[in-house]
Amino acid sequence: MRLIATDMDGTLLNSERKIPQANIEAIRYAESQGVTVAVATGRDFTEAVEPLKEAGLRLPLICVNGAEMRNTNGDILSQVPLGYKLYNKMAPILKEEDVYYEVYTTKGSFTADPQKGLDIVVNIMMSTGEFSSYDEVMRVAEERFQEGAVNVVRNYEEILTDDVKLYKLLAFSENNENRLRAKERLLNLGDITVSASASENLEITHRNATKGFALKNLAERLEVSMENTMAIGDNLNDLSMLEMAGTAVAMENGEEEVKEISHFVTLQNTENGVAEAIYRVLGK
């Protein structure tokens, strides 16, 4: 094993959206054995790097589902943006289907409706069953906005300018019919891929911006064979890297589709499943 890529939410992070000490120690052990550990997440760099800073870790980052890759210093290694021509076709579809969305760019993540964004995050977090009370969920959800993980704008046109690259649209709807219809209409546009990191969202990126392609890119840069890589994930936006990795690991709290294609299932994210997987493959 030479390269391990782990998802963040629902995988590396616990219910407090932090990296537990057991996972930190496992990552450091892997590094001591000459293994590169990378994070592969749907988050943008700003939101992805915070838990790593808190944990005292500096890891390569595959951000925005593969639309951007950075080294341990935070330098950009690759970018796969969506073009504005595509965005101008996608935005009307989401509006017509009444699907709320946020935009992820080289300048950060943005919402034009913060209350809607907060309500959706709360609903998703409540559905996981990891929280004891609504107040606890609200506190964690509000931190997302207070910490600047998502910025508020009056409309997206004011930040989608020629000097800003668009990486991803993160769309949400509790209406299954509207959300699925929007997904089908978007896919018909071509040049995009649509995945999900929760049951009620759509993660829309360029078709070449996937965690799988980014993992392959990183492995090539490190001169590592894909046979000597491992990917750990829990949701549908992890499928591409799980399919490409030499060893695929699903979280116990993961989707059934993820478990079906994985070589083994580790413990839940609230039980330090990433640490268990790392030690298992490294023989500790």
Protein backbone atom coordinates (compact mmCIF):
# COMPACT_ATOMS: atom_id res chain seq x y z
CA MET A 1 0.00 0.00 0.00
CA ARG A 2 1.44 3.34 -1.09
CA LEU A 3 -1.50 5.75 -1.31
CA ILE A 4 -4.71 6.00 0.74
CA ALA A 5 -7.52 8.43 -0.13
CA THR A 6 -10.31 9.05 2.34
CA ASP A 7 -13.56 10.95 2.03
CA MET A 8 -14.33 13.49 4.77
CA ASP A 9 -17.99 13.84 5.78
CA GLY A 10 -19.45 10.57 6.98
CA THR A 11 -16.01 8.97 6.71
CA LEU A 12 -12.94 10.68 8.19
CA LEU A 13 -14.98 13.13 10.28
CA ASN A 14 -17.20 12.34 13.25
CA SER A 15 -20.64 13.81 13.90
CA GLU A 16 -19.00 17.01 15.17
CA ARG A 17 -17.36 17.40 11.75
CA LYS A 18 -13.92 16.91 13.31
CA ILE A 19 -11.18 14.30 12.84
CA PRO A 20 -11.14 12.04 15.91
CA GLN A 21 -7.81 11.36 17.61
CA ALA A 22 -7.82 7.68 16.61
CA ASN A 23 -8.00 8.62 12.92
CA ILE A 24 -5.22 11.20 13.36
CA GLU A 25 -2.96 8.59 14.93
CA ALA A 26 -3.72 6.06 12.18
CA ILE A 27 -2.87 8.60 9.47
CA ARG A 28 0.41 9.42 11.19
CA TYR A 29 1.19 5.73 11.48
CA ALA A 30 0.53 5.26 7.76
CA GLU A 31 2.83 8.18 6.94
CA SER A 32 5.54 6.65 9.15
CA GLN A 33 5.30 3.54 6.95
CA GLY A 34 5.90 5.57 3.80
CA VAL A 35 2.23 5.74 2.79
CA THR A 36 0.75 8.97 1.42
CA VAL A 37 -2.68 9.72 2.89
CA ALA A 38 -4.86 12.14 0.94
CA VAL A 39 -8.32 13.58 1.49
CA ALA A 40 -10.90 13.37 -1.31
CA THR A 41 -13.95 15.48 -0.58
CA GLY A 42 -16.86 17.37 -2.06
CA ARG A 43 -15.86 20.36 0.07
CA ASP A 44 -13.89 23.25 -1.36
CA PHE A 45 -10.36 23.93 -0.11
CA THR A 46 -11.40 26.48 2.52
CA GLU A 47 -13.89 24.13 4.15
CA ALA A 48 -11.76 21.01 3.71
CA VAL A 49 -8.54 22.34 5.20
CA GLU A 50 -10.05 23.51 8.52
CA PRO A 51 -10.46 20.05 10.11
CA LEU A 52 -6.95 19.19 8.97
CA LYS A 53 -5.51 22.32 10.59
CA GLU A 54 -7.32 21.51 13.84
CA ALA A 55 -5.85 18.02 13.75
CA GLY A 56 -2.35 19.21 12.91
CA LEU A 57 -2.32 17.33 9.60
CA ARG A 58 -1.00 18.45 6.22
CA LEU A 59 -2.30 16.17 3.49
CA PRO A 60 -2.79 16.34 -0.27
CA LEU A 61 -6.35 17.44 -0.99
CA ILE A 62 -8.72 16.37 -3.74
CA CYS A 63 -11.41 19.05 -3.42
CA VAL A 64 -14.84 19.67 -4.93
CA ASN A 65 -15.17 16.01 -6.00
CA GLY A 66 -12.00 16.19 -8.07
CA ALA A 67 -12.48 19.60 -9.69
CA GLU A 68 -9.39 20.81 -7.84
CA MET A 69 -6.31 19.12 -6.41
CA ARG A 70 -3.79 20.66 -4.02
CA ASN A 71 -0.53 19.53 -2.48
CA THR A 72 0.32 19.57 1.23
CA ASN A 73 1.26 23.25 1.00
CA GLY A 74 -2.14 24.16 -0.46
CA ASP A 75 -0.74 24.85 -3.94
CA ILE A 76 -3.12 24.02 -6.80
CA LEU A 77 -1.94 21.05 -8.87
CA SER A 78 -4.91 20.67 -11.21
CA GLN A 79 -8.30 22.23 -12.01
CA VAL A 80 -11.31 20.93 -13.94
CA PRO A 81 -13.89 23.75 -13.97
CA LEU A 82 -17.37 23.96 -15.40
CA GLY A 83 -17.72 26.48 -18.21
CA TYR A 84 -20.17 29.35 -17.90
CA LYS A 85 -21.93 28.22 -21.07
CA LEU A 86 -22.87 25.06 -19.20
CA TYR A 87 -23.85 27.03 -16.09
CA ASN A 88 -26.19 29.23 -18.12
CA LYS A 89 -27.98 26.06 -19.24
CA MET A 90 -28.03 24.45 -15.81
CA ALA A 91 -29.29 27.37 -13.73
CA PRO A 92 -32.69 27.65 -15.50
CA ILE A 93 -33.28 23.91 -15.08
CA LEU A 94 -32.69 24.05 -11.34
CA LYS A 95 -34.90 27.12 -11.05
CA GLU A 96 -37.72 25.52 -13.05
CA GLU A 97 -37.56 22.39 -10.87
CA ASP A 98 -37.45 24.51 -7.68
CA VAL A 99 -34.12 23.01 -6.63
CA TYR A 100 -31.96 25.20 -4.38
CA TYR A 101 -28.24 25.27 -5.17
CA GLU A 102 -24.95 26.72 -4.00
CA VAL A 103 -21.93 27.45 -6.21
CA TYR A 104 -18.37 26.35 -5.54
CA THR A 105 -15.68 28.47 -7.19
CA THR A 106 -12.01 29.40 -7.06
CA LYS A 107 -13.09 32.24 -4.73
CA GLY A 108 -14.96 29.95 -2.33
CA SER A 109 -18.51 28.65 -1.89
CA PHE A 110 -21.58 30.89 -2.10
CA THR A 111 -25.29 30.91 -1.40
CA ALA A 112 -27.89 33.44 -2.51
CA ASP A 113 -30.40 32.13 0.07
CA PRO A 114 -28.68 31.50 3.43
CA GLN A 115 -31.87 30.58 5.31
CA LYS A 116 -32.71 27.95 2.72
CA GLY A 117 -29.16 26.65 2.90
CA LEU A 118 -29.29 26.44 6.69
CA ASP A 119 -32.66 24.66 6.70
CA ILE A 120 -31.41 22.05 4.24
CA VAL A 121 -28.19 21.36 6.15
CA VAL A 122 -30.21 20.91 9.36
CA ASN A 123 -32.64 18.51 7.68
CA ILE A 124 -29.83 16.41 6.24
CA MET A 125 -27.96 16.26 9.54
CA MET A 126 -31.12 15.34 11.44
CA SER A 127 -31.73 12.47 9.02
CA THR A 128 -28.39 10.84 9.92
CA GLY A 129 -29.57 10.14 13.47
CA GLU A 130 -26.15 11.06 14.89
CA PHE A 131 -27.39 14.01 16.93
CA SER A 132 -29.25 13.99 20.23
CA SER A 133 -31.20 17.22 19.77
CA TYR A 134 -32.32 19.82 17.23
CA ASP A 135 -30.34 22.50 19.10
CA GLU A 136 -27.14 20.49 18.69
CA VAL A 137 -27.75 20.12 14.96
CA MET A 138 -28.52 23.82 14.58
CA ARG A 139 -25.31 24.76 16.37
CA VAL A 140 -23.16 22.61 14.08
CA ALA A 141 -25.04 23.78 10.95
CA GLU A 142 -24.72 27.46 11.85
CA GLU A 143 -20.96 27.04 12.28
CA ARG A 144 -20.79 26.28 8.54
CA PHE A 145 -21.86 29.85 7.80
CA GLN A 146 -20.18 31.57 10.76
CA GLU A 147 -16.79 30.07 9.89
CA GLY A 148 -17.09 31.31 6.33
CA ALA A 149 -17.38 27.87 4.77
CA VAL A 150 -20.23 29.31 2.72
CA ASN A 151 -20.41 33.01 1.81
CA VAL A 152 -23.61 34.95 1.22
CA VAL A 153 -24.26 36.96 -1.95
CA ARG A 154 -27.35 38.71 -3.32
CA ASN A 155 -27.12 36.77 -6.57
CA TYR A 156 -24.59 34.47 -8.19
CA GLU A 157 -23.97 36.78 -11.14
CA GLU A 158 -21.98 39.15 -8.92
CA ILE A 159 -19.31 36.52 -8.24
CA LEU A 160 -19.41 34.44 -11.43
CA THR A 161 -17.10 36.70 -13.40
CA ASP A 162 -14.40 36.05 -16.00
CA ASP A 163 -11.63 35.83 -13.38
CA VAL A 164 -13.49 33.22 -11.29
CA LYS A 165 -13.67 29.54 -12.22
CA LEU A 166 -16.81 27.57 -11.37
CA TYR A 167 -16.12 24.11 -9.97
CA LYS A 168 -19.43 22.71 -8.78
CA LEU A 169 -23.11 23.29 -8.14
CA LEU A 170 -24.31 21.69 -4.91
CA ALA A 171 -28.08 21.34 -5.25
CA PHE A 172 -30.68 20.28 -2.66
CA SER A 173 -34.34 19.35 -2.71
CA GLU A 174 -36.50 17.23 -0.42
CA ASN A 175 -38.87 16.75 -3.34
CA ASN A 176 -37.63 13.49 -4.88
CA GLU A 177 -39.59 13.95 -8.11
CA ASN A 178 -38.24 17.45 -8.76
CA ARG A 179 -34.69 16.50 -7.79
CA LEU A 180 -34.58 13.38 -9.98
CA ARG A 181 -36.17 15.18 -12.92
CA ALA A 182 -33.60 17.95 -12.58
CA LYS A 183 -30.83 15.34 -12.54
CA GLU A 184 -32.04 13.76 -15.78
CA ARG A 185 -32.40 17.11 -17.51
CA LEU A 186 -28.91 18.13 -16.41
CA LEU A 187 -27.33 14.92 -17.64
CA ASN A 188 -28.91 15.48 -21.03
CA LEU A 189 -26.79 18.61 -21.40
CA GLY A 190 -23.63 16.51 -21.72
CA ASP A 191 -20.13 17.27 -20.35
CA ILE A 192 -21.29 17.03 -16.73
CA THR A 193 -21.54 14.33 -14.09
CA VAL A 194 -24.06 14.28 -11.25
CA SER A 195 -23.34 12.43 -8.02
CA ALA A 196 -24.54 12.76 -4.42
CA SER A 197 -23.08 13.01 -0.92
CA ALA A 198 -26.48 12.74 0.79
CA SER A 199 -29.90 11.39 -0.12
CA GLU A 200 -31.36 14.82 -0.89
CA ASN A 201 -28.55 16.48 -2.82
CA LEU A 202 -26.99 16.62 -6.26
CA GLU A 203 -23.28 17.33 -6.78
CA ILE A 204 -22.82 18.68 -10.29
CA THR A 205 -19.35 18.92 -11.81
CA HIS A 206 -17.61 18.61 -15.17
CA ARG A 207 -17.61 14.99 -16.33
CA ASN A 208 -13.83 14.86 -15.90
CA ALA A 209 -14.03 16.21 -12.35
CA THR A 210 -14.48 13.07 -10.26
CA LYS A 211 -12.69 11.69 -7.23
CA GLY A 212 -11.67 8.69 -9.32
CA PHE A 213 -9.92 10.71 -12.03
CA ALA A 214 -8.25 12.87 -9.38
CA LEU A 215 -7.02 9.83 -7.44
CA LYS A 216 -5.51 8.42 -10.64
CA ASN A 217 -3.89 11.79 -11.34
CA LEU A 218 -2.40 11.91 -7.83
CA ALA A 219 -1.16 8.32 -8.06
CA GLU A 220 0.60 9.11 -11.35
CA ARG A 221 2.26 12.17 -9.81
CA LEU A 222 3.51 10.00 -6.94
CA GLU A 223 4.48 7.20 -9.36
CA VAL A 224 2.21 4.79 -7.52
CA SER A 225 0.38 1.94 -9.26
CA MET A 226 -3.40 1.99 -8.78
CA GLU A 227 -3.07 -1.55 -7.43
CA ASN A 228 -1.25 -0.04 -4.47
CA THR A 229 -3.96 2.48 -3.61
CA MET A 230 -6.90 2.35 -1.21
CA ALA A 231 -10.01 4.52 -1.17
CA ILE A 232 -12.42 4.87 1.77
CA GLY A 233 -15.90 6.38 1.39
CA ASP A 234 -19.55 6.30 2.33
CA ASN A 235 -21.62 7.88 -0.42
CA LEU A 236 -22.31 8.01 -4.14
CA ASN A 237 -19.74 10.71 -4.91
CA ASP A 238 -17.12 8.23 -3.67
CA LEU A 239 -18.01 5.52 -6.18
CA SER A 240 -15.60 6.68 -8.89
CA MET A 241 -12.53 6.46 -6.64
CA LEU A 242 -13.68 3.21 -5.03
CA GLU A 243 -14.01 1.68 -8.49
CA MET A 244 -10.50 2.80 -9.50
CA ALA A 245 -8.60 2.02 -6.29
CA GLY A 246 -6.80 -1.26 -5.79
CA THR A 247 -8.62 -1.67 -2.47
CA ALA A 248 -12.08 -0.18 -1.92
CA VAL A 249 -13.42 0.28 1.60
CA ALA A 250 -16.96 1.25 2.57
CA MET A 251 -18.02 2.76 5.86
CA GLU A 252 -20.58 0.83 7.89
CA ASN A 253 -22.76 3.95 7.74
CA GLY A 254 -22.34 4.09 3.95
CA GLU A 255 -24.84 3.58 1.16
CA GLU A 256 -25.56 0.00 0.07
CA GLU A 257 -24.32 0.75 -3.44
CA VAL A 258 -20.97 1.76 -1.94
CA LYS A 259 -20.76 -1.41 0.15
CA GLU A 260 -21.59 -3.60 -2.83
CA ILE A 261 -18.52 -2.55 -4.82
CA SER A 262 -16.09 -2.48 -1.88
CA HIS A 263 -13.62 -5.15 -0.83
CA PHE A 264 -14.60 -4.81 2.80
CA VAL A 265 -16.70 -2.69 5.16
CA THR A 266 -15.08 -0.89 8.08
CA LEU A 267 -16.64 0.60 11.22
CA GLN A 268 -18.87 3.69 11.22
CA ASN A 269 -17.41 7.19 11.01
CA THR A 270 -18.44 7.69 14.66
CA GLU A 271 -16.42 4.57 15.58
CA ASN A 272 -13.12 5.58 13.91
CA GLY A 273 -13.72 3.43 10.84
CA VAL A 274 -10.91 5.09 8.89
CA ALA A 275 -8.39 4.11 11.56
CA GLU A 276 -9.65 0.53 11.56
CA ALA A 277 -9.32 0.33 7.76
CA ILE A 278 -5.80 1.78 7.74
CA TYR A 279 -4.54 -0.60 10.40
CA ARG A 280 -6.20 -3.54 8.66
CA VAL A 281 -4.48 -2.98 5.31
CA LEU A 282 -1.13 -2.09 6.89
CA GLY A 283 -1.20 -5.19 9.11
CA LYS A 284 -1.08 -3.49 12.47
